[in-house]
Amino acid sequence: MLRSFDGTEPRIADSAYIDETAVVIGDVIVEDEASIWPNTTLRGDHGPIVVGARANVQDNAVLHEDATLETGATVGHSAIVHDATVAEGALVGMNAVVLDGAHVGENAVVAAGSVVTEGTEIPASTLVAGTPAEEKGDVDDPRLEETADRYAELAKRHVRSAERIE
């Protein structure tokens, strides 16, 4: 569902994929080949939300208040990004939370279930885990760089094969 808020409508690139069960409200920009998956909420009522090109926001995730996902960023299932930035190629794992003013660096990984506290700066290519999230080492996963490509292609497959069953 796409909905305006206080006269501001979401701006969605023609090549972006928005699942019909996703809720996208207000000041939200979804750029080229980005994908927004089932039951996701992007609520741009207290600041803009930007989902960069080829970024993906997976099932049941929530973005609110000045949340920015740069090119190729991934937000995993049921994760929350609140007033924070996830840099290019970075991944926020399933059920992780990234809080106000935090910045997840390029190609960094926030492990599943972790909590990145307010104002935390995660360096590029760093793995963090725990509550609160702490550095665990360098990211050494060549498949991470392929995540954006995999989700952009999966979104295209969903568009091609979508058939509503009543």
Protein backbone atom coordinates (compact mmCIF):
# COMPACT_ATOMS: atom_id res chain seq x y z
CA MET A 1 0.00 0.00 0.00
CA LEU A 2 1.34 3.40 -0.98
CA ARG A 3 -0.10 6.29 1.01
CA SER A 4 0.55 10.01 1.25
CA PHE A 5 1.11 11.83 4.53
CA ASP A 6 0.52 15.57 4.97
CA GLY A 7 0.49 15.94 1.20
CA THR A 8 3.77 14.10 0.59
CA GLU A 9 3.60 10.99 -1.56
CA PRO A 10 6.17 8.20 -1.80
CA ARG A 11 8.39 8.41 -4.89
CA ILE A 12 9.03 4.99 -6.36
CA ALA A 13 11.32 4.30 -9.33
CA ASP A 14 9.65 2.43 -12.17
CA SER A 15 12.20 -0.38 -11.86
CA ALA A 16 11.71 -0.82 -8.09
CA TYR A 17 9.72 -3.73 -6.67
CA ILE A 18 7.20 -3.05 -3.90
CA ASP A 19 5.31 -6.10 -2.66
CA GLU A 20 1.56 -5.48 -2.51
CA THR A 21 1.53 -6.19 1.26
CA ALA A 22 4.24 -3.62 2.03
CA VAL A 23 3.19 -0.29 3.58
CA VAL A 24 5.00 2.79 2.25
CA ILE A 25 3.84 6.09 3.73
CA GLY A 26 4.79 9.72 3.12
CA ASP A 27 8.29 11.02 2.50
CA VAL A 28 9.84 7.85 1.08
CA ILE A 29 12.09 7.48 -1.95
CA VAL A 30 12.69 4.02 -3.41
CA GLU A 31 15.37 4.14 -6.12
CA ASP A 32 16.08 1.99 -9.19
CA GLU A 33 15.92 -1.79 -8.78
CA ALA A 34 15.42 -1.54 -5.02
CA SER A 35 13.05 -4.08 -3.50
CA ILE A 36 10.59 -3.86 -0.63
CA TRP A 37 9.33 -7.28 0.44
CA PRO A 38 6.10 -8.58 2.10
CA ASN A 39 4.74 -6.91 5.24
CA THR A 40 7.50 -4.33 5.35
CA THR A 41 6.74 -0.83 6.69
CA LEU A 42 8.50 2.33 5.53
CA ARG A 43 6.90 5.19 7.43
CA GLY A 44 8.14 8.59 6.30
CA ASP A 45 6.11 10.78 8.63
CA HIS A 46 8.88 12.14 10.90
CA GLY A 47 11.61 12.52 8.32
CA PRO A 48 12.56 11.15 4.92
CA ILE A 49 13.35 7.54 4.17
CA VAL A 50 15.61 6.72 1.23
CA VAL A 51 16.06 3.21 -0.12
CA GLY A 52 18.97 3.45 -2.55
CA ALA A 53 19.38 1.71 -5.86
CA ARG A 54 19.45 -2.09 -5.62
CA ALA A 55 18.96 -1.95 -1.83
CA ASN A 56 16.48 -4.41 -0.36
CA VAL A 57 14.25 -4.37 2.70
CA GLN A 58 13.12 -7.88 3.54
CA ASP A 59 9.90 -9.27 5.00
CA ASN A 60 8.49 -7.62 8.15
CA ALA A 61 11.28 -5.04 8.44
CA VAL A 62 10.56 -1.46 9.59
CA LEU A 63 12.25 1.80 8.55
CA HIS A 64 11.27 5.06 10.26
CA GLU A 65 12.52 8.65 10.81
CA ASP A 66 15.37 9.73 8.55
CA ALA A 67 16.40 6.19 7.66
CA THR A 68 18.78 5.89 4.71
CA LEU A 69 19.86 2.74 2.91
CA GLU A 70 22.59 3.44 0.42
CA THR A 71 23.14 1.56 -2.85
CA GLY A 72 23.01 -2.21 -2.46
CA ALA A 73 22.32 -2.20 1.30
CA THR A 74 20.29 -5.05 2.79
CA VAL A 75 17.91 -4.98 5.76
CA GLY A 76 17.05 -8.55 6.77
CA HIS A 77 13.77 -10.06 7.86
CA SER A 78 12.09 -8.32 10.83
CA ALA A 79 14.97 -5.87 11.33
CA ILE A 80 14.43 -2.23 12.35
CA VAL A 81 16.35 0.80 11.11
CA HIS A 82 15.29 3.94 12.99
CA ASP A 83 16.80 7.33 12.13
CA ALA A 84 20.04 5.69 10.99
CA THR A 85 22.16 5.11 7.88
CA VAL A 86 23.14 1.78 6.37
CA ALA A 87 25.95 2.45 3.91
CA GLU A 88 26.58 0.96 0.49
CA GLY A 89 26.69 -2.83 0.44
CA ALA A 90 26.15 -3.18 4.20
CA LEU A 91 23.85 -5.79 5.72
CA VAL A 92 21.60 -5.56 8.77
CA GLY A 93 20.79 -9.13 9.80
CA MET A 94 17.45 -10.64 10.70
CA ASN A 95 15.80 -9.20 13.83
CA ALA A 96 18.63 -6.70 14.31
CA VAL A 97 17.92 -3.13 15.44
CA VAL A 98 19.85 -0.04 14.33
CA LEU A 99 18.96 3.00 16.45
CA ASP A 100 18.98 6.77 16.10
CA GLY A 101 22.06 8.40 14.68
CA ALA A 102 23.90 5.13 14.08
CA HIS A 103 25.90 4.61 10.90
CA VAL A 104 26.64 1.16 9.53
CA GLY A 105 29.73 1.51 7.31
CA GLU A 106 30.18 0.26 3.75
CA ASN A 107 30.09 -3.55 3.44
CA ALA A 108 29.73 -3.93 7.22
CA VAL A 109 27.50 -6.61 8.74
CA VAL A 110 25.24 -6.31 11.77
CA ALA A 111 24.68 -9.90 12.92
CA ALA A 112 21.17 -11.26 13.36
CA GLY A 113 19.51 -10.21 16.61
CA SER A 114 22.05 -7.50 17.39
CA VAL A 115 21.27 -4.01 18.68
CA VAL A 116 23.30 -1.09 17.35
CA THR A 117 22.81 1.62 19.97
CA GLU A 118 22.24 5.32 19.32
CA GLY A 119 25.09 7.19 17.67
CA THR A 120 27.25 4.11 17.06
CA GLU A 121 29.64 4.28 14.10
CA ILE A 122 30.41 0.89 12.61
CA PRO A 123 33.54 0.97 10.44
CA ALA A 124 33.48 -0.29 6.86
CA SER A 125 33.83 -4.06 6.34
CA THR A 126 33.38 -4.80 10.06
CA LEU A 127 31.21 -7.51 11.64
CA VAL A 128 29.35 -6.47 14.79
CA ALA A 129 27.21 -8.69 17.01
CA GLY A 130 25.48 -8.68 20.36
CA THR A 131 23.43 -6.37 22.53
CA PRO A 132 24.83 -3.82 22.43
CA ALA A 133 26.62 -4.66 19.18
CA GLU A 134 30.38 -4.92 19.48
CA GLU A 135 33.08 -5.41 16.86
CA LYS A 136 33.88 -9.06 16.25
CA GLY A 137 36.29 -8.73 13.34
CA ASP A 138 36.50 -8.06 9.66
CA VAL A 139 33.84 -9.15 7.20
CA ASP A 140 35.22 -11.96 5.09
CA ASP A 141 32.32 -13.08 2.92
CA PRO A 142 32.69 -12.72 -0.83
CA ARG A 143 28.97 -13.51 -1.25
CA LEU A 144 28.01 -10.31 0.59
CA GLU A 145 28.79 -8.24 -2.49
CA GLU A 146 26.38 -10.41 -4.51
CA THR A 147 23.40 -9.82 -2.19
CA ALA A 148 22.13 -6.74 -4.04
CA ASP A 149 22.36 -8.55 -7.39
CA ARG A 150 20.54 -11.61 -6.05
CA TYR A 151 17.68 -9.55 -4.64
CA ALA A 152 17.38 -7.34 -7.73
CA GLU A 153 17.04 -10.49 -9.84
CA LEU A 154 14.63 -12.12 -7.38
CA ALA A 155 12.43 -9.02 -7.50
CA LYS A 156 12.30 -9.26 -11.30
CA ARG A 157 11.27 -12.91 -11.02
CA HIS A 158 8.48 -11.95 -8.60
CA VAL A 159 7.18 -9.33 -11.02
CA ARG A 160 7.25 -11.81 -13.91
CA SER A 161 5.55 -14.62 -12.02
CA ALA A 162 3.04 -12.65 -9.95
CA GLU A 163 -0.41 -14.13 -10.20
CA ARG A 164 -2.98 -13.41 -7.59
CA ILE A 165 -4.85 -16.52 -6.46
CA GLU A 166 -8.34 -15.86 -5.17
